[in-house]
Amino acid sequence: LPNQTKILSDLCTFQSCYFAKAICLPGEGSYGNGFISKIP
């Protein structure tokens, strides 16, 4: 399953990213908030 936060960070050529898991949906993956940043 893709890390969608990392995918968007790479497409935007941002320097840093972090995914925060809130829940795990069976068969669908971890679900939560993401953050991407040009600033470290």
Full PDB file with SEQRES, HELIX, SHEET, SSBOND, CRYST1, ORIGX, SCALE, CONECT and MASTER records, all heavy atoms in Angstrom:
SEQRES   1 A   40  LEU PRO ASN GLN THR LYS ILE LEU SER ASP LEU CYS THR          
SEQRES   2 A   40  PHE GLN SER CYS TYR PHE ALA LYS ALA ILE CYS LEU PRO          
SEQRES   3 A   40  GLY GLU GLY SER TYR GLY ASN GLY PHE ILE SER LYS ILE          
SEQRES   4 A   40  PRO                                                          
HELIX    1 AA1 GLN A    4  LEU A   11  1                                   8    
SHEET    1 AA1 2 SER A  16  LEU A  25  0                                        
SHEET    2 AA1 2 GLY A  29  SER A  37 -1                                        
CRYST1    1.000    1.000    1.000  90.00  90.00  90.00 P 1           1          
ORIGX1      1.000000  0.000000  0.000000        0.00000                         
ORIGX2      0.000000  1.000000  0.000000        0.00000                         
ORIGX3      0.000000  0.000000  1.000000        0.00000                         
SCALE1      1.000000  0.000000  0.000000        0.00000                         
SCALE2      0.000000  1.000000  0.000000        0.00000                         
SCALE3      0.000000  0.000000  1.000000        0.00000                         
ATOM      1  N   LEU A   1       0.841  -1.189   0.000  1.00  0.00           N  
ATOM      2  CA  LEU A   1       0.000   0.000   0.000  1.00  0.00           C  
ATOM      3  C   LEU A   1       0.882   1.248   0.000  1.00  0.00           C  
ATOM      4  O   LEU A   1       1.908   1.291   0.668  1.00  0.00           O  
ATOM      5  CB  LEU A   1      -0.917   0.018   1.225  1.00  0.00           C  
ATOM      6  CG  LEU A   1      -1.980  -1.073   1.255  1.00  0.00           C  
ATOM      7  CD1 LEU A   1      -2.608  -1.147   2.636  1.00  0.00           C  
ATOM      8  CD2 LEU A   1      -3.055  -0.791   0.218  1.00  0.00           C  
ATOM      9  N   PRO A   2       0.499   2.280  -0.724  1.00  0.00           N  
ATOM     10  CA  PRO A   2       1.363   3.458  -0.836  1.00  0.00           C  
ATOM     11  C   PRO A   2       1.302   4.353   0.402  1.00  0.00           C  
ATOM     12  O   PRO A   2       0.279   4.461   1.067  1.00  0.00           O  
ATOM     13  CB  PRO A   2       0.785   4.194  -2.048  1.00  0.00           C  
ATOM     14  CG  PRO A   2      -0.669   3.814  -2.039  1.00  0.00           C  
ATOM     15  CD  PRO A   2      -0.706   2.387  -1.556  1.00  0.00           C  
ATOM     16  N   ASN A   3       2.436   4.979   0.694  1.00  0.00           N  
ATOM     17  CA  ASN A   3       2.476   6.041   1.689  1.00  0.00           C  
ATOM     18  C   ASN A   3       2.128   7.326   0.940  1.00  0.00           C  
ATOM     19  O   ASN A   3       2.972   7.927   0.283  1.00  0.00           O  
ATOM     20  CB  ASN A   3       3.866   6.130   2.320  1.00  0.00           C  
ATOM     21  CG  ASN A   3       3.962   7.194   3.394  1.00  0.00           C  
ATOM     22  OD1 ASN A   3       3.232   8.178   3.380  1.00  0.00           O  
ATOM     23  ND2 ASN A   3       4.871   7.004   4.327  1.00  0.00           N  
ATOM     24  N   GLN A   4       0.863   7.727   1.032  1.00  0.00           N  
ATOM     25  CA  GLN A   4       0.403   8.848   0.222  1.00  0.00           C  
ATOM     26  C   GLN A   4       1.089  10.153   0.589  1.00  0.00           C  
ATOM     27  O   GLN A   4       1.314  11.012  -0.282  1.00  0.00           O  
ATOM     28  CB  GLN A   4      -1.117   8.979   0.359  1.00  0.00           C  
ATOM     29  CG  GLN A   4      -1.870   7.791  -0.210  1.00  0.00           C  
ATOM     30  CD  GLN A   4      -3.377   7.982  -0.171  1.00  0.00           C  
ATOM     31  OE1 GLN A   4      -3.917   8.584   0.749  1.00  0.00           O  
ATOM     32  NE2 GLN A   4      -4.052   7.465  -1.179  1.00  0.00           N  
ATOM     33  N   THR A   5       1.432  10.334   1.859  1.00  0.00           N  
ATOM     34  CA  THR A   5       2.138  11.546   2.273  1.00  0.00           C  
ATOM     35  C   THR A   5       3.500  11.637   1.596  1.00  0.00           C  
ATOM     36  O   THR A   5       3.892  12.688   1.092  1.00  0.00           O  
ATOM     37  CB  THR A   5       2.293  11.577   3.802  1.00  0.00           C  
ATOM     38  OG1 THR A   5       1.000  11.511   4.410  1.00  0.00           O  
ATOM     39  CG2 THR A   5       3.001  12.841   4.262  1.00  0.00           C  
ATOM     40  N   LYS A   6       4.212  10.513   1.569  1.00  0.00           N  
ATOM     41  CA  LYS A   6       5.538  10.487   0.924  1.00  0.00           C  
ATOM     42  C   LYS A   6       5.405  10.717  -0.578  1.00  0.00           C  
ATOM     43  O   LYS A   6       6.239  11.424  -1.185  1.00  0.00           O  
ATOM     44  CB  LYS A   6       6.205   9.135   1.198  1.00  0.00           C  
ATOM     45  CG  LYS A   6       7.583   8.963   0.565  1.00  0.00           C  
ATOM     46  CD  LYS A   6       8.603   9.894   1.209  1.00  0.00           C  
ATOM     47  CE  LYS A   6      10.044   9.499   0.901  1.00  0.00           C  
ATOM     48  NZ  LYS A   6      10.368   9.398  -0.531  1.00  0.00           N  
ATOM     49  N   ILE A   7       4.386  10.153  -1.202  1.00  0.00           N  
ATOM     50  CA  ILE A   7       4.180  10.352  -2.638  1.00  0.00           C  
ATOM     51  C   ILE A   7       3.988  11.830  -2.960  1.00  0.00           C  
ATOM     52  O   ILE A   7       4.609  12.377  -3.876  1.00  0.00           O  
ATOM     53  CB  ILE A   7       2.981   9.528  -3.138  1.00  0.00           C  
ATOM     54  CG1 ILE A   7       3.319   8.034  -3.127  1.00  0.00           C  
ATOM     55  CG2 ILE A   7       2.559   9.963  -4.546  1.00  0.00           C  
ATOM     56  CD1 ILE A   7       2.145   7.140  -3.413  1.00  0.00           C  
ATOM     57  N   LEU A   8       3.127  12.518  -2.187  1.00  0.00           N  
ATOM     58  CA  LEU A   8       2.896  13.943  -2.447  1.00  0.00           C  
ATOM     59  C   LEU A   8       4.150  14.763  -2.158  1.00  0.00           C  
ATOM     60  O   LEU A   8       4.472  15.705  -2.893  1.00  0.00           O  
ATOM     61  CB  LEU A   8       1.725  14.455  -1.609  1.00  0.00           C  
ATOM     62  CG  LEU A   8       0.336  13.978  -2.004  1.00  0.00           C  
ATOM     63  CD1 LEU A   8      -0.732  14.755  -1.237  1.00  0.00           C  
ATOM     64  CD2 LEU A   8       0.092  14.108  -3.497  1.00  0.00           C  
ATOM     65  N   SER A   9       4.864  14.399  -1.099  1.00  0.00           N  
ATOM     66  CA  SER A   9       6.098  15.113  -0.775  1.00  0.00           C  
ATOM     67  C   SER A   9       7.100  14.992  -1.922  1.00  0.00           C  
ATOM     68  O   SER A   9       7.735  15.976  -2.322  1.00  0.00           O  
ATOM     69  CB  SER A   9       6.702  14.555   0.513  1.00  0.00           C  
ATOM     70  OG  SER A   9       7.872  15.259   0.874  1.00  0.00           O  
ATOM     71  N   ASP A  10       7.225  13.792  -2.481  1.00  0.00           N  
ATOM     72  CA  ASP A  10       8.166  13.587  -3.585  1.00  0.00           C  
ATOM     73  C   ASP A  10       7.721  14.330  -4.843  1.00  0.00           C  
ATOM     74  O   ASP A  10       8.542  14.943  -5.540  1.00  0.00           O  
ATOM     75  CB  ASP A  10       8.301  12.095  -3.888  1.00  0.00           C  
ATOM     76  CG  ASP A  10       9.060  11.340  -2.805  1.00  0.00           C  
ATOM     77  OD1 ASP A  10       9.705  12.000  -1.965  1.00  0.00           O  
ATOM     78  OD2 ASP A  10       8.994  10.092  -2.795  1.00  0.00           O  
ATOM     79  N   LEU A  11       6.422  14.277  -5.156  1.00  0.00           N  
ATOM     80  CA  LEU A  11       5.923  14.967  -6.347  1.00  0.00           C  
ATOM     81  C   LEU A  11       6.126  16.477  -6.246  1.00  0.00           C  
ATOM     82  O   LEU A  11       6.358  17.151  -7.255  1.00  0.00           O  
ATOM     83  CB  LEU A  11       4.445  14.650  -6.565  1.00  0.00           C  
ATOM     84  CG  LEU A  11       4.107  13.257  -7.098  1.00  0.00           C  
ATOM     85  CD1 LEU A  11       2.590  13.037  -7.100  1.00  0.00           C  
ATOM     86  CD2 LEU A  11       4.656  13.066  -8.512  1.00  0.00           C  
ATOM     87  N   CYS A  12       6.023  16.994  -5.028  1.00  0.00           N  
ATOM     88  CA  CYS A  12       6.198  18.439  -4.816  1.00  0.00           C  
ATOM     89  C   CYS A  12       7.654  18.806  -4.560  1.00  0.00           C  
ATOM     90  O   CYS A  12       7.963  19.995  -4.402  1.00  0.00           O  
ATOM     91  CB  CYS A  12       5.344  18.894  -3.633  1.00  0.00           C  
ATOM     92  SG  CYS A  12       3.570  18.753  -3.900  1.00  0.00           S  
ATOM     93  N   THR A  13       8.533  17.810  -4.527  1.00  0.00           N  
ATOM     94  CA  THR A  13       9.962  17.975  -4.219  1.00  0.00           C  
ATOM     95  C   THR A  13      10.165  18.718  -2.899  1.00  0.00           C  
ATOM     96  O   THR A  13      11.010  19.606  -2.786  1.00  0.00           O  
ATOM     97  CB  THR A  13      10.731  18.660  -5.365  1.00  0.00           C  
ATOM     98  OG1 THR A  13      10.248  19.994  -5.569  1.00  0.00           O  
ATOM     99  CG2 THR A  13      10.607  17.867  -6.659  1.00  0.00           C  
ATOM    100  N   PHE A  14       9.348  18.364  -1.899  1.00  0.00           N  
ATOM    101  CA  PHE A  14       9.515  18.924  -0.568  1.00  0.00           C  
ATOM    102  C   PHE A  14      10.597  18.137   0.168  1.00  0.00           C  
ATOM    103  O   PHE A  14      10.828  16.961  -0.114  1.00  0.00           O  
ATOM    104  CB  PHE A  14       8.200  18.861   0.209  1.00  0.00           C  
ATOM    105  CG  PHE A  14       7.243  19.986  -0.104  1.00  0.00           C  
ATOM    106  CD1 PHE A  14       7.325  20.710  -1.282  1.00  0.00           C  
ATOM    107  CD2 PHE A  14       6.237  20.325   0.788  1.00  0.00           C  
ATOM    108  CE1 PHE A  14       6.438  21.742  -1.562  1.00  0.00           C  
ATOM    109  CE2 PHE A  14       5.352  21.357   0.516  1.00  0.00           C  
ATOM    110  CZ  PHE A  14       5.451  22.066  -0.656  1.00  0.00           C  
ATOM    111  N   GLN A  15      11.218  18.779   1.136  1.00  0.00           N  
ATOM    112  CA  GLN A  15      12.354  18.178   1.814  1.00  0.00           C  
ATOM    113  C   GLN A  15      11.955  17.147   2.856  1.00  0.00           C  
ATOM    114  O   GLN A  15      12.640  16.140   3.052  1.00  0.00           O  
ATOM    115  CB  GLN A  15      13.199  19.281   2.474  1.00  0.00           C  
ATOM    116  CG  GLN A  15      14.443  18.764   3.175  1.00  0.00           C  
ATOM    117  CD  GLN A  15      15.373  19.875   3.596  1.00  0.00           C  
ATOM    118  OE1 GLN A  15      15.204  21.018   3.220  1.00  0.00           O  
ATOM    119  NE2 GLN A  15      16.377  19.544   4.387  1.00  0.00           N  
ATOM    120  N   SER A  16      10.825  17.377   3.553  1.00  0.00           N  
ATOM    121  CA  SER A  16      10.484  16.549   4.705  1.00  0.00           C  
ATOM    122  C   SER A  16       9.013  16.171   4.677  1.00  0.00           C  
ATOM    123  O   SER A  16       8.172  16.907   4.137  1.00  0.00           O  
ATOM    124  CB  SER A  16      10.775  17.297   6.014  1.00  0.00           C  
ATOM    125  OG  SER A  16      12.121  17.712   6.091  1.00  0.00           O  
ATOM    126  N   CYS A  17       8.695  15.028   5.290  1.00  0.00           N  
ATOM    127  CA  CYS A  17       7.300  14.642   5.423  1.00  0.00           C  
ATOM    128  C   CYS A  17       7.124  13.749   6.647  1.00  0.00           C  
ATOM    129  O   CYS A  17       8.087  13.153   7.150  1.00  0.00           O  
ATOM    130  CB  CYS A  17       6.796  13.944   4.170  1.00  0.00           C  
ATOM    131  SG  CYS A  17       7.523  12.312   3.852  1.00  0.00           S  
ATOM    132  N   TYR A  18       5.879  13.666   7.118  1.00  0.00           N  
ATOM    133  CA  TYR A  18       5.565  12.818   8.270  1.00  0.00           C  
ATOM    134  C   TYR A  18       4.106  12.400   8.174  1.00  0.00           C  
ATOM    135  O   TYR A  18       3.235  13.215   7.835  1.00  0.00           O  
ATOM    136  CB  TYR A  18       5.799  13.577   9.583  1.00  0.00           C  
ATOM    137  CG  TYR A  18       5.489  12.765  10.823  1.00  0.00           C  
ATOM    138  CD1 TYR A  18       6.381  11.797  11.270  1.00  0.00           C  
ATOM    139  CD2 TYR A  18       4.308  12.965  11.537  1.00  0.00           C  
ATOM    140  CE1 TYR A  18       6.101  11.045  12.412  1.00  0.00           C  
ATOM    141  CE2 TYR A  18       4.024  12.221  12.674  1.00  0.00           C  
ATOM    142  CZ  TYR A  18       4.926  11.260  13.100  1.00  0.00           C  
ATOM    143  OH  TYR A  18       4.649  10.521  14.222  1.00  0.00           O  
ATOM    144  N   PHE A  19       3.842  11.124   8.447  1.00  0.00           N  
ATOM    145  CA  PHE A  19       2.485  10.601   8.488  1.00  0.00           C  
ATOM    146  C   PHE A  19       2.124  10.243   9.914  1.00  0.00           C  
ATOM    147  O   PHE A  19       2.904   9.593  10.624  1.00  0.00           O  
ATOM    148  CB  PHE A  19       2.349   9.363   7.597  1.00  0.00           C  
ATOM    149  CG  PHE A  19       1.039   8.635   7.773  1.00  0.00           C  
ATOM    150  CD1 PHE A  19      -0.133   9.160   7.241  1.00  0.00           C  
ATOM    151  CD2 PHE A  19       0.975   7.450   8.489  1.00  0.00           C  
ATOM    152  CE1 PHE A  19      -1.340   8.508   7.422  1.00  0.00           C  
ATOM    153  CE2 PHE A  19      -0.227   6.783   8.667  1.00  0.00           C  
ATOM    154  CZ  PHE A  19      -1.394   7.316   8.128  1.00  0.00           C  
ATOM    155  N   ALA A  20       0.931  10.662  10.362  1.00  0.00           N  
ATOM    156  CA  ALA A  20       0.449  10.386  11.717  1.00  0.00           C  
ATOM    157  C   ALA A  20      -0.753   9.448  11.635  1.00  0.00           C  
ATOM    158  O   ALA A  20      -1.815   9.836  11.150  1.00  0.00           O  
ATOM    159  CB  ALA A  20       0.070  11.682  12.422  1.00  0.00           C  
ATOM    160  N   LYS A  21      -0.575   8.227  12.113  1.00  0.00           N  
ATOM    161  CA  LYS A  21      -1.629   7.217  12.054  1.00  0.00           C  
ATOM    162  C   LYS A  21      -2.648   7.427  13.167  1.00  0.00           C  
ATOM    163  O   LYS A  21      -2.306   7.514  14.340  1.00  0.00           O  
ATOM    164  CB  LYS A  21      -1.013   5.826  12.182  1.00  0.00           C  
ATOM    165  CG  LYS A  21      -2.018   4.708  12.322  1.00  0.00           C  
ATOM    166  CD  LYS A  21      -1.305   3.388  12.595  1.00  0.00           C  
ATOM    167  CE  LYS A  21      -2.278   2.300  12.979  1.00  0.00           C  
ATOM    168  NZ  LYS A  21      -1.582   1.031  13.312  1.00  0.00           N  
ATOM    169  N   ALA A  22      -3.921   7.498  12.775  1.00  0.00           N  
ATOM    170  CA  ALA A  22      -5.003   7.571  13.751  1.00  0.00           C  
ATOM    171  C   ALA A  22      -5.654   6.202  13.937  1.00  0.00           C  
ATOM    172  O   ALA A  22      -5.911   5.771  15.060  1.00  0.00           O  
ATOM    173  CB  ALA A  22      -6.052   8.597  13.317  1.00  0.00           C  
ATOM    174  N   ILE A  23      -5.936   5.523  12.829  1.00  0.00           N  
ATOM    175  CA  ILE A  23      -6.584   4.214  12.875  1.00  0.00           C  
ATOM    176  C   ILE A  23      -6.008   3.320  11.783  1.00  0.00           C  
ATOM    177  O   ILE A  23      -5.319   3.802  10.876  1.00  0.00           O  
ATOM    178  CB  ILE A  23      -8.121   4.323  12.679  1.00  0.00           C  
ATOM    179  CG1 ILE A  23      -8.453   5.018  11.346  1.00  0.00           C  
ATOM    180  CG2 ILE A  23      -8.775   5.032  13.847  1.00  0.00           C  
ATOM    181  CD1 ILE A  23      -9.933   5.013  11.004  1.00  0.00           C  
ATOM    182  N   CYS A  24      -6.305   2.024  11.879  1.00  0.00           N  
ATOM    183  CA  CYS A  24      -5.983   1.082  10.823  1.00  0.00           C  
ATOM    184  C   CYS A  24      -7.286   0.492  10.317  1.00  0.00           C  
ATOM    185  O   CYS A  24      -8.054  -0.090  11.094  1.00  0.00           O  
ATOM    186  CB  CYS A  24      -5.057  -0.017  11.334  1.00  0.00           C  
ATOM    187  SG  CYS A  24      -4.466  -1.115  10.026  1.00  0.00           S  
ATOM    188  N   LEU A  25      -7.562   0.668   9.038  1.00  0.00           N  
ATOM    189  CA  LEU A  25      -8.779   0.151   8.431  1.00  0.00           C  
ATOM    190  C   LEU A  25      -8.469  -1.196   7.791  1.00  0.00           C  
ATOM    191  O   LEU A  25      -7.590  -1.284   6.927  1.00  0.00           O  
ATOM    192  CB  LEU A  25      -9.302   1.129   7.375  1.00  0.00           C  
ATOM    193  CG  LEU A  25      -9.687   2.519   7.904  1.00  0.00           C  
ATOM    194  CD1 LEU A  25     -10.020   3.447   6.751  1.00  0.00           C  
ATOM    195  CD2 LEU A  25     -10.861   2.426   8.858  1.00  0.00           C  
ATOM    196  N   PRO A  26      -9.126  -2.264   8.207  1.00  0.00           N  
ATOM    197  CA  PRO A  26      -8.827  -3.604   7.687  1.00  0.00           C  
ATOM    198  C   PRO A  26      -8.876  -3.649   6.164  1.00  0.00           C  
ATOM    199  O   PRO A  26      -9.851  -3.229   5.542  1.00  0.00           O  
ATOM    200  CB  PRO A  26      -9.940  -4.471   8.295  1.00  0.00           C  
ATOM    201  CG  PRO A  26     -10.338  -3.746   9.547  1.00  0.00           C  
ATOM    202  CD  PRO A  26     -10.201  -2.288   9.212  1.00  0.00           C  
ATOM    203  N   GLY A  27      -7.795  -4.115   5.585  1.00  0.00           N  
ATOM    204  CA  GLY A  27      -7.724  -4.232   4.138  1.00  0.00           C  
ATOM    205  C   GLY A  27      -7.453  -2.941   3.408  1.00  0.00           C  
ATOM    206  O   GLY A  27      -7.297  -2.946   2.188  1.00  0.00           O  
ATOM    207  N   GLU A  28      -7.386  -1.837   4.135  1.00  0.00           N  
ATOM    208  CA  GLU A  28      -7.210  -0.542   3.486  1.00  0.00           C  
ATOM    209  C   GLU A  28      -5.966   0.206   3.959  1.00  0.00           C  
ATOM    210  O   GLU A  28      -5.468   1.064   3.256  1.00  0.00           O  
ATOM    211  CB  GLU A  28      -8.456   0.329   3.713  1.00  0.00           C  
ATOM    212  CG  GLU A  28      -9.720  -0.248   3.091  1.00  0.00           C  
ATOM    213  CD  GLU A  28     -10.911   0.669   3.249  1.00  0.00           C  
ATOM    214  OE1 GLU A  28     -10.724   1.804   3.729  1.00  0.00           O  
ATOM    215  OE2 GLU A  28     -12.030   0.262   2.903  1.00  0.00           O  
ATOM    216  N   GLY A  29      -5.461  -0.086   5.147  1.00  0.00           N  
ATOM    217  CA  GLY A  29      -4.227   0.523   5.607  1.00  0.00           C  
ATOM    218  C   GLY A  29      -4.406   1.517   6.733  1.00  0.00           C  
ATOM    219  O   GLY A  29      -5.514   1.769   7.207  1.00  0.00           O  
ATOM    220  N   SER A  30      -3.290   2.064   7.187  1.00  0.00           N  
ATOM    221  CA  SER A  30      -3.300   3.097   8.224  1.00  0.00           C  
ATOM    222  C   SER A  30      -3.876   4.381   7.655  1.00  0.00           C  
ATOM    223  O   SER A  30      -3.644   4.719   6.493  1.00  0.00           O  
ATOM    224  CB  SER A  30      -1.883   3.336   8.736  1.00  0.00           C  
ATOM    225  OG  SER A  30      -1.351   2.158   9.292  1.00  0.00           O  
ATOM    226  N   TYR A  31      -4.597   5.110   8.496  1.00  0.00           N  
ATOM    227  CA  TYR A  31      -5.339   6.286   8.045  1.00  0.00           C  
ATOM    228  C   TYR A  31      -5.138   7.400   9.065  1.00  0.00           C  
ATOM    229  O   TYR A  31      -5.210   7.166  10.279  1.00  0.00           O  
ATOM    230  CB  TYR A  31      -6.822   5.922   7.952  1.00  0.00           C  
ATOM    231  CG  TYR A  31      -7.670   6.796   7.070  1.00  0.00           C  
ATOM    232  CD1 TYR A  31      -7.379   6.973   5.726  1.00  0.00           C  
ATOM    233  CD2 TYR A  31      -8.813   7.420   7.576  1.00  0.00           C  
ATOM    234  CE1 TYR A  31      -8.192   7.745   4.901  1.00  0.00           C  
ATOM    235  CE2 TYR A  31      -9.629   8.190   6.761  1.00  0.00           C  
ATOM    236  CZ  TYR A  31      -9.316   8.346   5.422  1.00  0.00           C  
ATOM    237  OH  TYR A  31     -10.118   9.106   4.614  1.00  0.00           O  
ATOM    238  N   GLY A  32      -4.873   8.596   8.581  1.00  0.00           N  
ATOM    239  CA  GLY A  32      -4.675   9.693   9.518  1.00  0.00           C  
ATOM    240  C   GLY A  32      -4.303  10.990   8.823  1.00  0.00           C  
ATOM    241  O   GLY A  32      -4.781  11.283   7.721  1.00  0.00           O  
ATOM    242  N   ASN A  33      -3.416  11.752   9.456  1.00  0.00           N  
ATOM    243  CA  ASN A  33      -2.995  13.055   8.956  1.00  0.00           C  
ATOM    244  C   ASN A  33      -1.579  12.979   8.399  1.00  0.00           C  
ATOM    245  O   ASN A  33      -0.771  12.145   8.812  1.00  0.00           O  
ATOM    246  CB  ASN A  33      -3.030  14.092  10.089  1.00  0.00           C  
ATOM    247  CG  ASN A  33      -4.413  14.265  10.668  1.00  0.00           C  
ATOM    248  OD1 ASN A  33      -5.392  14.357   9.931  1.00  0.00           O  
ATOM    249  ND2 ASN A  33      -4.506  14.304  11.991  1.00  0.00           N  
ATOM    250  N   GLY A  34      -1.282  13.875   7.477  1.00  0.00           N  
ATOM    251  CA  GLY A  34       0.058  13.970   6.923  1.00  0.00           C  
ATOM    252  C   GLY A  34       0.562  15.401   6.954  1.00  0.00           C  
ATOM    253  O   GLY A  34      -0.211  16.350   7.123  1.00  0.00           O  
ATOM    254  N   PHE A  35       1.862  15.527   6.776  1.00  0.00           N  
ATOM    255  CA  PHE A  35       2.467  16.861   6.742  1.00  0.00           C  
ATOM    256  C   PHE A  35       3.663  16.802   5.808  1.00  0.00           C  
ATOM    257  O   PHE A  35       4.498  15.893   5.901  1.00  0.00           O  
ATOM    258  CB  PHE A  35       2.903  17.283   8.139  1.00  0.00           C  
ATOM    259  CG  PHE A  35       3.607  18.617   8.198  1.00  0.00           C  
ATOM    260  CD1 PHE A  35       2.934  19.786   7.850  1.00  0.00           C  
ATOM    261  CD2 PHE A  35       4.935  18.706   8.581  1.00  0.00           C  
ATOM    262  CE1 PHE A  35       3.572  21.020   7.891  1.00  0.00           C  
ATOM    263  CE2 PHE A  35       5.583  19.929   8.631  1.00  0.00           C  
ATOM    264  CZ  PHE A  35       4.900  21.083   8.284  1.00  0.00           C  
ATOM    265  N   ILE A  36       3.741  17.761   4.883  1.00  0.00           N  
ATOM    266  CA  ILE A  36       4.889  17.877   3.990  1.00  0.00           C  
ATOM    267  C   ILE A  36       5.448  19.290   4.094  1.00  0.00           C  
ATOM    268  O   ILE A  36       4.710  20.244   4.303  1.00  0.00           O  
ATOM    269  CB  ILE A  36       4.531  17.520   2.536  1.00  0.00           C  
ATOM    270  CG1 ILE A  36       3.468  18.460   1.960  1.00  0.00           C  
ATOM    271  CG2 ILE A  36       4.041  16.071   2.445  1.00  0.00           C  
ATOM    272  CD1 ILE A  36       3.163  18.202   0.476  1.00  0.00           C  
ATOM    273  N   SER A  37       6.771  19.405   3.956  1.00  0.00           N  
ATOM    274  CA  SER A  37       7.405  20.680   4.266  1.00  0.00           C  
ATOM    275  C   SER A  37       8.683  20.892   3.469  1.00  0.00           C  
ATOM    276  O   SER A  37       9.486  19.967   3.298  1.00  0.00           O  
ATOM    277  CB  SER A  37       7.735  20.718   5.772  1.00  0.00           C  
ATOM    278  OG  SER A  37       8.435  21.891   6.115  1.00  0.00           O  
ATOM    279  N   LYS A  38       8.845  22.117   2.983  1.00  0.00           N  
ATOM    280  CA  LYS A  38      10.122  22.526   2.404  1.00  0.00           C  
ATOM    281  C   LYS A  38      11.149  22.793   3.505  1.00  0.00           C  
ATOM    282  O   LYS A  38      12.357  22.775   3.249  1.00  0.00           O  
ATOM    283  CB  LYS A  38       9.945  23.791   1.560  1.00  0.00           C  
ATOM    284  CG  LYS A  38       9.141  23.600   0.289  1.00  0.00           C  
ATOM    285  CD  LYS A  38       9.039  24.908  -0.481  1.00  0.00           C  
ATOM    286  CE  LYS A  38       8.246  24.743  -1.765  1.00  0.00           C  
ATOM    287  NZ  LYS A  38       8.107  26.033  -2.492  1.00  0.00           N  
ATOM    288  N   ILE A  39      10.655  23.068   4.703  1.00  0.00           N  
ATOM    289  CA  ILE A  39      11.517  23.348   5.853  1.00  0.00           C  
ATOM    290  C   ILE A  39      11.802  22.039   6.571  1.00  0.00           C  
ATOM    291  O   ILE A  39      10.884  21.236   6.785  1.00  0.00           O  
ATOM    292  CB  ILE A  39      10.836  24.345   6.806  1.00  0.00           C  
ATOM    293  CG1 ILE A  39      10.461  25.631   6.058  1.00  0.00           C  
ATOM    294  CG2 ILE A  39      11.722  24.658   8.004  1.00  0.00           C  
ATOM    295  CD1 ILE A  39       9.527  26.538   6.822  1.00  0.00           C  
ATOM    296  N   PRO A  40      13.047  21.768   6.962  1.00  0.00           N  
ATOM    297  CA  PRO A  40      13.353  20.496   7.629  1.00  0.00           C  
ATOM    298  C   PRO A  40      12.517  20.278   8.893  1.00  0.00           C  
ATOM    299  O   PRO A  40      12.303  21.199   9.676  1.00  0.00           O  
ATOM    300  CB  PRO A  40      14.842  20.631   7.969  1.00  0.00           C  
ATOM    301  CG  PRO A  40      15.378  21.609   6.971  1.00  0.00           C  
ATOM    302  CD  PRO A  40      14.261  22.587   6.739  1.00  0.00           C  
TER     303      PRO A  40                                                      
MASTER        0    0    0    1    2    0    0    6  302    1    0    4          
END                                                                             
